[in-house]
Amino acid sequence: MLDWEKEEFEIEGEASNGCEGLELILQTKPDLVITDITMPEMDGIEMMQKVKESDLQPVFIVLSSYDQFELVKSAMQLGARDYLLKLKLNSDMLREMLKTVREELGKRGGKAERKRERSVWETQELRKVFLKKAVLGSLVHMESDGIDPEWEDRPVRIIYIVTNAQHVIGTKEEAEKKIYLDTIRNLIEDICREFFESCCIEWGNGRFLIVCYDQSRENAKDDSNMMAEAIIDVLMQYSNIQASIGISGKVTGYENYKEAYLQAKRVQDHLAVEGYGKVSFFEDIPETETLSRRGVSGDAFSAEKLASICETLHLEELEQVSGQVVEDIKENGVKLDNAASQCVRFMCLLEEYLKQNWGSRYKGVNINDYMKRLYHSDTISEITEVFDRYTEDVKTFFAGQSDNEQERIVREAKKYIREHVYENISLKEISQALFISAGYLSATFSKYESIGVANYINKVKIEEARKLLMKQRLKVYEVAFQLKYENAGYFAKVFKKYTGCTPKEYMEQK
C-alpha cells in the first residue's frame, strides 16, 4: 500500500499465522507489529500475550472487522496502541498511524529513534479542541498553532449527527463503549473524506459534529446531502445504529461557527419530531415554523382525573388518558424537553396516587430509570415508547387487582359516584346499578372505606364544589344547586365539615 522505506520503516519479516508471527517477533525484536486478530494456529490475542511474557515491548497495531469489538477490547487491554478497520484501510490511514508510532518510538529510544515531529494524529486532535471552542463560542483569541490559517476564510457547514448509539451500548462496559463509539466516528470520518475536507468531533451521548469545508464549490449542497445519507445508511448497515442529520447554513469565519452550530441544532429539534433516518438543511426549514413550547392540551389529564383513576383502578380510563398524552405530544409538535416533562408529571402523579390508595400493595416501578430514559431520548418516538412501557407496567398492577370480587364492587361503586356527582345519589341507586343488595354494598364498602357510602358521596361532592368555587367563581347557592344539595345552608354545613371552613371563607383564603 505504500513505500515503507520512505516512511522510515524497514520490514523485518512477514508471517501467515500467530505461531510464525511469535517466532519472528522473538527473533527480530521489532519496534512495530501490525497483526490481524483472527489467524490460524494462534490468534493475535494469544500471540500478544506471549510476546508480553517475553518482556519485549513492540508497539502493536491490530487489524479488526466491525463485528470484533470483544477481541479488540482484549487487544487494547494487552497494550495495543491502536486498531485499524480492515474494510476502510488505505494508504493515508497507514501513513497517519506510522507517524504516530514513530513519535512514540522516538520517546522510547528504540531502533527507529527519530527527531520528534508533530504527528498527523496530534495535529488533528489540536484542531478538534480548537474547533470545539469555536463551535461553543469560547475562543478568546486566534490559537493558530496546528491549525491551517486558511480555514478561517473558507465557507463551512456544521453537520450535527444524532444517533441512538447510547441506547444500543448502554449495558456495555466503559472500555467497550469507547471502542464502539470510536468505530462509529471512524466510519463517519471515512465517509466524509470521500466528499469534503472535514473534521469530526464526538459530541457526547452518541452525537457527533462535523465541520465541513469546501462549501463554496458548485453542487456542495447536493454533495452534503449525499454524504449525510451515506452516513445514515452505513451506520445502520454495519453497526445497526440509527441516525438523523441536521445541516447548518454556510458561514465563514471562526466567530460564526457557534451560529452555524445553533442552526444545525435547531434542525435537529425539528427532526426529533420526525424520528431517525432523516436529513434536513437549515435553509429548508421555513422561518415561520417553530416547535411548540407548550405541553399537552389542558384537558388531556388533570391531577383530579388521575386521582380518580388510581382510586377506582379504572383500566379503560387509564388507557384513554395515557393515549391522549401521547397523541397530543405527537400532534402538537412539542419540544423534546417539554414532552419529557409532561410524561414525568403524569408518572409522578400516578405513582403518588397509587401509593396513597393502595399502600404497600402497590410496589411501584423504578420511576428514576424511566425518567433518565425520557430525558436521554433524542426523538419524540423514543419518548413515547418509554412512556408506553411505563403505562404497561402500571396496567399490569391494575389487572392484578381484579381477582377480588369485593374490591371490584367497591371500585365500581366509587366510579359510579364520581360519574354521577351532579345527580342525587343514594345507596339504593348505586346498589341497583351494580345489581347487588343495598345491605351487602354498605357492608362491603365500609370494609374497604371506613367512612362509608354516604360520607364518601359527600366527600366527592365537596371536592367538586371546591373546583367550582375557584375555577368558575360560582356563587355558593349556584354550587349547591348544581350538586343537588337541598339548600345553600345545608351545603355550607357539609362543606365546613369536610374542609374546616365555610364556602365563603374558602374563597377568601384562596
Protein backbone atom coordinates (compact mmCIF):
# COMPACT_ATOMS: atom_id res chain seq x y z
CA MET A 1 0.00 0.00 0.00
CA LEU A 2 2.95 2.35 0.48
CA ASP A 3 6.73 2.75 0.34
CA TRP A 4 7.84 1.63 3.82
CA GLU A 5 11.40 2.93 3.49
CA LYS A 6 10.06 6.34 2.53
CA GLU A 7 8.07 6.25 5.79
CA GLU A 8 11.37 5.44 7.60
CA PHE A 9 10.42 1.83 8.41
CA GLU A 10 12.14 -1.40 7.45
CA ILE A 11 10.10 -4.60 7.20
CA GLU A 12 11.78 -7.22 9.40
CA GLY A 13 9.59 -10.06 8.20
CA GLU A 14 6.11 -11.35 7.43
CA ALA A 15 4.12 -14.25 8.91
CA SER A 16 0.90 -16.01 7.90
CA ASN A 17 -0.23 -17.18 11.35
CA GLY A 18 0.24 -16.47 15.05
CA CYS A 19 2.86 -19.17 15.62
CA GLU A 20 5.11 -17.91 12.83
CA GLY A 21 4.49 -14.37 13.99
CA LEU A 22 5.56 -15.12 17.56
CA GLU A 23 8.74 -16.85 16.37
CA LEU A 24 9.60 -13.93 14.09
CA ILE A 25 8.95 -11.33 16.80
CA LEU A 26 11.17 -13.13 19.34
CA GLN A 27 13.91 -13.45 16.71
CA THR A 28 13.94 -9.92 15.22
CA LYS A 29 12.70 -7.90 18.24
CA PRO A 30 10.85 -5.33 16.08
CA ASP A 31 9.66 -1.88 17.11
CA LEU A 32 6.25 -2.30 15.46
CA VAL A 33 3.94 -5.28 14.88
CA ILE A 34 0.86 -4.96 12.71
CA THR A 35 -1.31 -8.03 13.20
CA ASP A 36 -4.69 -9.45 12.40
CA ILE A 37 -6.71 -10.70 15.36
CA THR A 38 -8.20 -13.82 13.81
CA MET A 39 -5.43 -16.14 12.50
CA PRO A 40 -4.90 -19.93 12.20
CA GLU A 41 -2.93 -21.94 14.79
CA MET A 42 -2.59 -18.99 17.20
CA ASP A 43 -4.75 -15.87 17.17
CA GLY A 44 -3.46 -12.33 17.62
CA ILE A 45 -4.59 -12.09 21.26
CA GLU A 46 -2.63 -15.19 22.34
CA MET A 47 0.40 -14.06 20.31
CA MET A 48 0.38 -10.66 22.02
CA GLN A 49 0.08 -12.30 25.43
CA LYS A 50 3.15 -14.50 24.79
CA VAL A 51 5.17 -11.55 23.48
CA LYS A 52 4.28 -9.62 26.62
CA GLU A 53 5.50 -12.52 28.77
CA SER A 54 8.86 -12.42 26.95
CA ASP A 55 9.48 -8.84 28.19
CA LEU A 56 9.61 -7.49 24.64
CA GLN A 57 7.57 -4.32 24.17
CA PRO A 58 6.88 -3.67 20.49
CA VAL A 59 4.08 -1.31 19.50
CA PHE A 60 1.11 -3.41 18.47
CA ILE A 61 -1.44 -2.23 15.91
CA VAL A 62 -4.34 -4.66 15.38
CA LEU A 63 -6.50 -5.06 12.30
CA SER A 64 -10.17 -5.68 13.01
CA SER A 65 -13.59 -6.01 11.45
CA TYR A 66 -16.73 -4.19 12.54
CA ASP A 67 -18.01 -7.21 14.49
CA GLN A 68 -14.84 -7.86 16.55
CA PHE A 69 -15.37 -5.42 19.44
CA GLU A 70 -14.77 -8.03 22.16
CA LEU A 71 -11.45 -9.10 20.58
CA VAL A 72 -10.32 -5.51 20.02
CA LYS A 73 -11.14 -4.79 23.66
CA SER A 74 -8.89 -7.69 24.74
CA ALA A 75 -6.10 -6.45 22.47
CA MET A 76 -6.30 -2.94 23.96
CA GLN A 77 -6.13 -4.38 27.45
CA LEU A 78 -2.90 -6.15 26.44
CA GLY A 79 -1.42 -2.81 25.41
CA ALA A 80 -2.24 -2.47 21.71
CA ARG A 81 -1.54 1.13 20.62
CA ASP A 82 -4.47 1.37 18.20
CA TYR A 83 -6.64 -0.57 15.78
CA LEU A 84 -7.45 -0.20 12.08
CA LEU A 85 -10.67 -1.25 10.39
CA LYS A 86 -9.80 -3.62 7.52
CA LEU A 87 -12.74 -2.65 5.34
CA LYS A 88 -11.68 1.02 5.27
CA LEU A 89 -7.89 0.53 5.38
CA ASN A 90 -5.97 2.73 2.92
CA SER A 91 -2.50 4.20 2.49
CA ASP A 92 -3.39 7.53 4.10
CA MET A 93 -4.58 5.81 7.25
CA LEU A 94 -1.35 3.76 7.37
CA ARG A 95 0.83 6.86 6.96
CA GLU A 96 -1.04 8.63 9.72
CA MET A 97 -0.62 5.64 12.05
CA LEU A 98 3.09 5.29 11.24
CA LYS A 99 3.81 8.92 12.10
CA THR A 100 2.15 8.45 15.47
CA VAL A 101 4.15 5.26 16.12
CA ARG A 102 7.38 6.94 15.01
CA GLU A 103 6.83 9.66 17.59
CA GLU A 104 6.27 7.11 20.33
CA LEU A 105 9.35 5.13 19.36
CA GLY A 106 11.40 8.32 19.39
CA LYS A 107 10.46 8.84 23.02
CA ARG A 108 11.41 5.24 23.84
CA GLY A 109 14.80 5.44 22.13
CA GLY A 110 14.32 2.19 20.21
CA LYS A 111 15.66 1.09 16.83
CA ALA A 112 13.65 3.69 14.95
CA GLU A 113 14.52 6.72 17.11
CA ARG A 114 13.87 9.87 15.11
CA LYS A 115 13.79 13.61 15.58
CA ARG A 116 10.50 14.41 17.22
CA GLU A 117 7.88 15.96 14.94
CA ARG A 118 4.20 16.64 15.47
CA SER A 119 2.21 13.68 14.17
CA VAL A 120 -0.84 13.97 11.95
CA TRP A 121 -2.89 12.48 14.80
CA GLU A 122 -1.60 15.08 17.24
CA THR A 123 -2.34 17.90 14.81
CA GLN A 124 -5.89 16.62 14.27
CA GLU A 125 -6.52 16.40 18.00
CA LEU A 126 -5.36 20.01 18.43
CA ARG A 127 -7.63 21.00 15.57
CA LYS A 128 -10.62 19.28 17.22
CA VAL A 129 -10.01 21.10 20.50
CA PHE A 130 -9.75 24.41 18.65
CA LEU A 131 -12.91 23.81 16.58
CA LYS A 132 -14.87 22.71 19.64
CA LYS A 133 -14.02 26.03 21.29
CA ALA A 134 -15.10 27.86 18.14
CA VAL A 135 -18.42 25.99 17.98
CA LEU A 136 -19.13 26.79 21.64
CA GLY A 137 -18.16 30.43 21.12
CA SER A 138 -15.36 30.28 23.69
CA LEU A 139 -12.36 31.35 21.58
CA VAL A 140 -10.66 34.25 23.34
CA HIS A 141 -8.12 34.76 20.57
CA MET A 142 -6.88 33.01 17.48
CA GLU A 143 -4.88 29.99 18.55
CA SER A 144 -3.41 29.06 15.17
CA ASP A 145 -0.73 26.61 16.33
CA GLY A 146 -1.50 23.40 14.45
CA ILE A 147 -4.47 24.99 12.67
CA ASP A 148 -4.45 25.79 8.96
CA PRO A 149 -4.91 29.62 8.92
CA GLU A 150 -6.61 29.41 5.53
CA TRP A 151 -9.58 27.60 7.09
CA GLU A 152 -10.83 30.81 8.68
CA ASP A 153 -11.76 32.29 5.30
CA ARG A 154 -13.36 29.17 3.85
CA PRO A 155 -17.17 28.62 3.87
CA VAL A 156 -18.20 25.74 6.10
CA ARG A 157 -21.34 23.96 7.24
CA ILE A 158 -21.78 22.40 10.67
CA ILE A 159 -23.33 18.96 10.43
CA TYR A 160 -24.99 17.66 13.61
CA ILE A 161 -25.46 13.90 13.79
CA VAL A 162 -27.73 12.40 16.44
CA THR A 163 -27.69 8.61 16.83
CA ASN A 164 -29.25 6.03 19.15
CA ALA A 165 -25.79 4.61 19.95
CA GLN A 166 -26.16 5.24 23.70
CA HIS A 167 -29.30 3.11 23.81
CA VAL A 168 -27.58 0.31 21.85
CA ILE A 169 -24.43 0.20 24.03
CA GLY A 170 -25.98 1.27 27.34
CA THR A 171 -25.21 -2.01 29.13
CA LYS A 172 -21.65 -2.42 27.83
CA GLU A 173 -18.52 -1.73 29.88
CA GLU A 174 -16.82 1.67 29.53
CA ALA A 175 -13.83 0.33 27.58
CA GLU A 176 -16.14 -1.40 25.13
CA LYS A 177 -18.30 1.71 24.78
CA LYS A 178 -15.23 3.75 23.84
CA ILE A 179 -14.22 1.25 21.17
CA TYR A 180 -17.74 1.19 19.80
CA LEU A 181 -18.02 4.99 19.62
CA ASP A 182 -14.51 5.30 18.15
CA THR A 183 -15.55 2.86 15.43
CA ILE A 184 -18.66 4.90 14.64
CA ARG A 185 -16.56 8.08 14.49
CA ASN A 186 -14.06 6.34 12.18
CA LEU A 187 -16.90 5.31 9.89
CA ILE A 188 -18.23 8.86 9.77
CA GLU A 189 -14.76 10.31 9.12
CA ASP A 190 -14.08 7.82 6.31
CA ILE A 191 -17.31 8.71 4.55
CA CYS A 192 -16.76 12.46 4.97
CA ARG A 193 -13.26 12.25 3.42
CA GLU A 194 -14.80 10.95 0.22
CA PHE A 195 -16.80 14.19 -0.17
CA PHE A 196 -15.13 17.08 1.66
CA GLU A 197 -12.20 18.14 3.77
CA SER A 198 -13.71 17.92 7.25
CA CYS A 199 -13.19 17.33 10.94
CA CYS A 200 -15.42 15.06 13.07
CA ILE A 201 -15.87 15.83 16.79
CA GLU A 202 -17.52 13.42 19.23
CA TRP A 203 -20.23 15.46 20.98
CA GLY A 204 -21.31 13.05 23.74
CA ASN A 205 -24.33 10.75 24.16
CA GLY A 206 -23.88 9.19 20.73
CA ARG A 207 -23.80 12.55 18.93
CA PHE A 208 -21.19 13.90 16.51
CA LEU A 209 -20.39 17.26 14.91
CA ILE A 210 -18.72 17.61 11.53
CA VAL A 211 -17.09 20.86 10.49
CA CYS A 212 -17.35 20.50 6.72
CA TYR A 213 -15.21 22.67 4.41
CA ASP A 214 -15.26 23.28 0.62
CA GLN A 215 -18.86 24.53 0.76
CA SER A 216 -18.21 27.23 -1.85
CA ARG A 217 -17.83 24.79 -4.72
CA GLU A 218 -20.61 24.03 -7.16
CA ASN A 219 -23.14 21.38 -6.05
CA ALA A 220 -21.73 21.46 -2.49
CA LYS A 221 -25.22 21.24 -1.00
CA ASP A 222 -26.10 18.18 -3.10
CA ASP A 223 -22.82 16.54 -2.09
CA SER A 224 -23.52 17.33 1.57
CA ASN A 225 -26.90 15.67 1.26
CA MET A 226 -25.39 12.59 -0.42
CA MET A 227 -22.73 12.40 2.29
CA ALA A 228 -25.33 12.63 5.07
CA GLU A 229 -27.49 9.91 3.51
CA ALA A 230 -24.41 7.69 3.11
CA ILE A 231 -23.59 8.15 6.82
CA ILE A 232 -27.13 7.13 7.82
CA ASP A 233 -27.05 4.06 5.54
CA VAL A 234 -23.57 2.87 6.57
CA LEU A 235 -24.20 3.29 10.32
CA MET A 236 -27.34 1.18 10.00
CA GLN A 237 -25.72 -1.42 7.75
CA TYR A 238 -22.53 -2.01 9.73
CA SER A 239 -23.45 -1.04 13.30
CA ASN A 240 -27.26 -1.24 13.45
CA ILE A 241 -27.20 2.40 14.56
CA GLN A 242 -29.98 4.82 13.61
CA ALA A 243 -29.18 8.46 12.93
CA SER A 244 -30.68 11.78 11.89
CA ILE A 245 -28.63 14.64 10.47
CA GLY A 246 -29.17 18.40 10.68
CA ILE A 247 -27.07 20.65 8.45
CA SER A 248 -26.49 24.36 9.05
CA GLY A 249 -26.31 27.14 6.51
CA LYS A 250 -22.93 28.24 5.14
CA VAL A 251 -20.78 30.50 7.34
CA THR A 252 -17.29 31.99 7.05
CA GLY A 253 -15.02 32.88 9.94
CA TYR A 254 -14.47 31.10 13.25
CA GLU A 255 -16.58 33.67 15.09
CA ASN A 256 -19.64 32.44 13.16
CA TYR A 257 -19.22 28.72 13.93
CA LYS A 258 -21.41 28.97 17.01
CA GLU A 259 -24.28 30.42 14.98
CA ALA A 260 -23.89 27.55 12.48
CA TYR A 261 -24.00 25.04 15.34
CA LEU A 262 -27.19 26.61 16.70
CA GLN A 263 -28.71 26.39 13.22
CA ALA A 264 -27.85 22.69 12.97
CA LYS A 265 -29.22 22.14 16.48
CA ARG A 266 -32.48 23.83 15.52
CA VAL A 267 -32.74 21.47 12.55
CA GLN A 268 -32.28 18.54 14.94
CA ASP A 269 -35.10 19.88 17.14
CA HIS A 270 -37.25 19.79 14.02
CA LEU A 271 -36.11 16.26 13.10
CA ALA A 272 -36.76 14.96 16.62
CA VAL A 273 -40.48 15.03 15.83
CA GLU A 274 -40.00 13.03 12.62
CA GLY A 275 -37.59 10.43 14.01
CA TYR A 276 -34.34 8.88 12.75
CA GLY A 277 -33.34 8.36 9.14
CA LYS A 278 -33.85 11.98 8.02
CA VAL A 279 -31.55 14.67 6.61
CA SER A 280 -32.53 18.34 6.62
CA PHE A 281 -30.87 21.69 5.91
CA PHE A 282 -31.38 24.84 7.93
CA GLU A 283 -32.37 26.85 4.87
CA ASP A 284 -35.10 24.33 4.02
CA ILE A 285 -36.96 24.88 7.30
CA PRO A 286 -39.49 27.74 6.92
CA GLU A 287 -38.73 30.71 9.16
CA THR A 288 -42.28 30.66 10.47
CA GLU A 289 -42.02 27.04 11.58
CA THR A 290 -41.36 26.79 15.29
CA LEU A 291 -41.75 23.96 17.73
CA SER A 292 -44.38 24.31 20.41
CA ARG A 293 -43.14 25.08 23.90
CA ARG A 294 -46.45 24.21 25.45
CA GLY A 295 -47.29 20.90 27.00
CA VAL A 296 -50.16 18.60 26.19
CA SER A 297 -53.64 20.04 25.98
CA GLY A 298 -55.16 21.19 29.27
CA ASP A 299 -57.88 18.57 29.30
CA ALA A 300 -55.66 15.61 28.44
CA PHE A 301 -55.24 14.85 32.11
CA SER A 302 -55.56 16.59 35.47
CA ALA A 303 -54.46 15.69 38.96
CA GLU A 304 -58.10 15.09 39.91
CA LYS A 305 -58.62 12.79 36.94
CA LEU A 306 -55.57 10.70 37.75
CA ALA A 307 -56.58 10.55 41.43
CA SER A 308 -59.94 9.13 40.42
CA ILE A 309 -58.37 6.58 38.07
CA CYS A 310 -55.97 5.39 40.77
CA GLU A 311 -58.72 5.16 43.37
CA THR A 312 -61.06 3.12 41.15
CA LEU A 313 -58.33 1.32 39.13
CA HIS A 314 -60.30 2.09 36.01
CA LEU A 315 -58.18 0.48 33.29
CA GLU A 316 -60.06 1.87 30.31
CA GLU A 317 -59.77 5.44 31.60
CA LEU A 318 -56.04 4.97 32.22
CA GLU A 319 -55.59 3.77 28.65
CA GLN A 320 -57.66 6.67 27.33
CA VAL A 321 -55.80 9.38 29.28
CA SER A 322 -52.29 8.00 28.63
CA GLY A 323 -53.17 7.59 24.96
CA GLN A 324 -54.29 11.22 24.83
CA VAL A 325 -50.96 12.34 26.30
CA VAL A 326 -49.07 10.51 23.55
CA GLU A 327 -51.40 11.78 20.84
CA ASP A 328 -51.09 15.40 21.96
CA ILE A 329 -47.29 15.22 22.15
CA LYS A 330 -47.11 13.89 18.58
CA GLU A 331 -49.70 16.20 17.05
CA ASN A 332 -48.70 19.46 18.76
CA GLY A 333 -45.01 19.34 17.86
CA VAL A 334 -43.93 19.62 21.49
CA LYS A 335 -40.18 20.11 22.05
CA LEU A 336 -38.23 17.17 23.43
CA ASP A 337 -37.64 18.58 26.91
CA ASN A 338 -41.27 19.68 27.27
CA ALA A 339 -42.56 16.30 26.07
CA ALA A 340 -40.35 14.53 28.62
CA SER A 341 -41.53 16.89 31.39
CA GLN A 342 -45.19 16.18 30.62
CA CYS A 343 -44.59 12.44 30.77
CA VAL A 344 -42.71 12.77 34.06
CA ARG A 345 -45.53 14.86 35.58
CA PHE A 346 -48.06 12.19 34.59
CA MET A 347 -45.89 9.41 36.02
CA CYS A 348 -45.17 11.17 39.32
CA LEU A 349 -48.83 11.96 39.93
CA LEU A 350 -49.86 8.41 39.10
CA GLU A 351 -47.23 6.94 41.42
CA GLU A 352 -48.29 9.23 44.27
CA TYR A 353 -51.99 8.48 43.95
CA LEU A 354 -51.48 4.73 43.62
CA LYS A 355 -49.39 4.68 46.80
CA GLN A 356 -51.96 6.83 48.62
CA ASN A 357 -54.81 4.49 47.70
CA TRP A 358 -53.12 1.11 47.75
CA GLY A 359 -50.23 1.50 50.17
CA SER A 360 -47.83 -1.41 50.34
CA ARG A 361 -49.87 -3.39 47.85
CA TYR A 362 -48.53 -1.14 45.11
CA LYS A 363 -44.82 -1.83 44.87
CA GLY A 364 -44.31 0.85 42.26
CA VAL A 365 -41.89 0.92 39.33
CA ASN A 366 -38.35 2.24 39.00
CA ILE A 367 -39.50 5.72 38.05
CA ASN A 368 -35.95 7.13 38.22
CA ASP A 369 -34.90 4.75 35.46
CA TYR A 370 -37.86 5.80 33.31
CA MET A 371 -37.10 9.49 33.93
CA LYS A 372 -33.47 9.00 32.91
CA ARG A 373 -34.51 7.27 29.70
CA LEU A 374 -37.04 10.01 28.94
CA TYR A 375 -34.52 12.83 29.29
CA HIS A 376 -31.88 10.92 27.29
CA SER A 377 -34.25 10.36 24.36
CA ASP A 378 -33.33 12.04 21.09
CA THR A 379 -36.67 11.76 19.29
CA ILE A 380 -40.35 12.11 20.14
CA SER A 381 -40.93 8.48 19.18
CA GLU A 382 -38.33 7.36 21.77
CA ILE A 383 -40.06 9.45 24.45
CA THR A 384 -43.49 7.98 23.67
CA GLU A 385 -42.04 4.45 23.61
CA VAL A 386 -40.61 4.90 27.12
CA PHE A 387 -43.91 6.39 28.31
CA ASP A 388 -45.88 3.49 26.82
CA ARG A 389 -43.62 0.97 28.59
CA TYR A 390 -44.28 2.74 31.88
CA THR A 391 -48.07 2.69 31.45
CA GLU A 392 -47.90 -1.01 30.51
CA ASP A 393 -46.19 -1.69 33.86
CA VAL A 394 -48.91 0.22 35.72
CA LYS A 395 -51.68 -1.54 33.79
CA THR A 396 -50.22 -4.86 34.96
CA PHE A 397 -50.90 -3.73 38.54
CA PHE A 398 -54.44 -2.66 37.63
CA ALA A 399 -55.15 -6.04 36.06
CA GLY A 400 -53.70 -7.91 39.04
CA GLN A 401 -56.21 -6.33 41.43
CA SER A 402 -59.28 -7.57 39.55
CA ASP A 403 -59.43 -11.01 41.17
CA ASN A 404 -61.03 -9.91 44.46
CA GLU A 405 -64.80 -9.60 43.92
CA GLN A 406 -65.45 -7.39 46.96
CA GLU A 407 -62.73 -4.93 45.97
CA ARG A 408 -64.17 -4.84 42.47
CA ILE A 409 -67.58 -3.89 43.90
CA VAL A 410 -66.06 -1.03 45.94
CA ARG A 411 -64.17 0.27 42.89
CA GLU A 412 -67.33 0.14 40.76
CA ALA A 413 -69.29 1.98 43.46
CA LYS A 414 -66.67 4.73 43.63
CA LYS A 415 -66.64 5.01 39.86
CA TYR A 416 -70.45 5.34 39.80
CA ILE A 417 -70.37 8.08 42.46
CA ARG A 418 -67.75 10.12 40.57
CA GLU A 419 -69.57 9.76 37.26
CA HIS A 420 -72.89 10.90 38.81
CA VAL A 421 -71.55 13.59 41.15
CA TYR A 422 -74.02 16.19 39.75
CA GLU A 423 -77.02 13.96 40.49
CA ASN A 424 -78.88 12.83 43.58
CA ILE A 425 -77.04 9.69 44.63
CA SER A 426 -78.25 7.18 47.19
CA LEU A 427 -77.12 3.81 48.46
CA LYS A 428 -80.17 2.24 46.80
CA GLU A 429 -79.38 3.71 43.37
CA ILE A 430 -75.77 2.55 43.50
CA SER A 431 -76.71 -0.99 44.59
CA GLN A 432 -79.28 -1.25 41.79
CA ALA A 433 -76.69 -0.12 39.24
CA LEU A 434 -74.30 -2.82 40.50
CA PHE A 435 -77.06 -5.49 40.75
CA ILE A 436 -76.45 -6.21 44.44
CA SER A 437 -78.45 -5.56 47.62
CA ALA A 438 -78.08 -2.23 49.44
CA GLY A 439 -77.12 -4.03 52.66
CA TYR A 440 -74.34 -6.04 51.01
CA LEU A 441 -72.98 -2.90 49.27
CA SER A 442 -72.97 -0.92 52.54
CA ALA A 443 -71.16 -3.67 54.46
CA THR A 444 -68.66 -4.35 51.67
CA PHE A 445 -67.93 -0.66 51.06
CA SER A 446 -67.37 0.03 54.78
CA LYS A 447 -64.94 -2.89 54.92
CA TYR A 448 -62.57 -1.16 52.49
CA GLU A 449 -63.55 2.51 53.00
CA SER A 450 -64.10 3.29 56.69
CA ILE A 451 -66.15 6.47 56.11
CA GLY A 452 -68.99 4.52 54.47
CA VAL A 453 -71.02 5.20 51.32
CA ALA A 454 -72.90 8.34 52.45
CA ASN A 455 -69.78 10.13 53.67
CA TYR A 456 -67.88 9.10 50.54
CA ILE A 457 -70.62 10.66 48.38
CA ASN A 458 -70.33 13.93 50.31
CA LYS A 459 -66.52 13.80 50.11
CA VAL A 460 -66.60 13.54 46.31
CA LYS A 461 -69.26 16.26 46.01
CA ILE A 462 -67.27 18.67 48.20
CA GLU A 463 -64.13 18.00 46.12
CA GLU A 464 -66.13 19.03 43.06
CA ALA A 465 -67.57 22.03 44.91
CA ARG A 466 -64.11 23.38 45.66
CA LYS A 467 -63.24 23.29 41.95
CA LEU A 468 -66.49 25.05 41.02
CA LEU A 469 -65.98 27.78 43.60
CA MET A 470 -62.43 28.52 42.45
CA LYS A 471 -62.38 27.84 38.71
CA GLN A 472 -65.84 29.01 37.70
CA ARG A 473 -66.31 31.56 40.50
CA LEU A 474 -69.90 30.43 41.06
CA LYS A 475 -71.96 31.72 43.97
CA VAL A 476 -72.49 29.40 46.92
CA TYR A 477 -76.17 28.78 46.18
CA GLU A 478 -75.32 28.04 42.49
CA VAL A 479 -72.81 25.36 43.52
CA ALA A 480 -75.29 23.87 45.99
CA PHE A 481 -77.91 23.71 43.25
CA GLN A 482 -75.58 22.06 40.70
CA LEU A 483 -74.50 19.38 43.18
CA LYS A 484 -78.15 18.68 44.17
CA TYR A 485 -77.99 19.77 47.81
CA GLU A 486 -81.31 20.68 49.45
CA ASN A 487 -80.33 24.31 50.04
CA ALA A 488 -77.30 26.57 50.39
CA GLY A 489 -77.39 26.42 54.19
CA TYR A 490 -77.16 22.64 54.33
CA PHE A 491 -74.45 22.66 51.64
CA ALA A 492 -72.41 25.18 53.67
CA LYS A 493 -72.71 22.98 56.76
CA VAL A 494 -71.47 19.88 54.88
CA PHE A 495 -68.71 21.92 53.22
CA LYS A 496 -67.39 23.09 56.59
CA LYS A 497 -67.47 19.54 57.95
CA TYR A 498 -65.08 18.33 55.24
CA THR A 499 -62.89 21.41 54.78
CA GLY A 500 -62.93 23.13 58.16
CA CYS A 501 -64.31 26.40 56.75
CA THR A 502 -67.41 27.75 55.05
CA PRO A 503 -67.58 28.16 51.25
CA LYS A 504 -67.21 31.94 51.62
CA GLU A 505 -64.17 31.60 53.90
CA TYR A 506 -62.65 29.09 51.48
CA MET A 507 -62.94 31.54 48.57
CA GLU A 508 -61.47 34.38 50.62
CA GLN A 509 -58.48 32.23 51.69
CA LYS A 510 -57.78 31.21 48.12
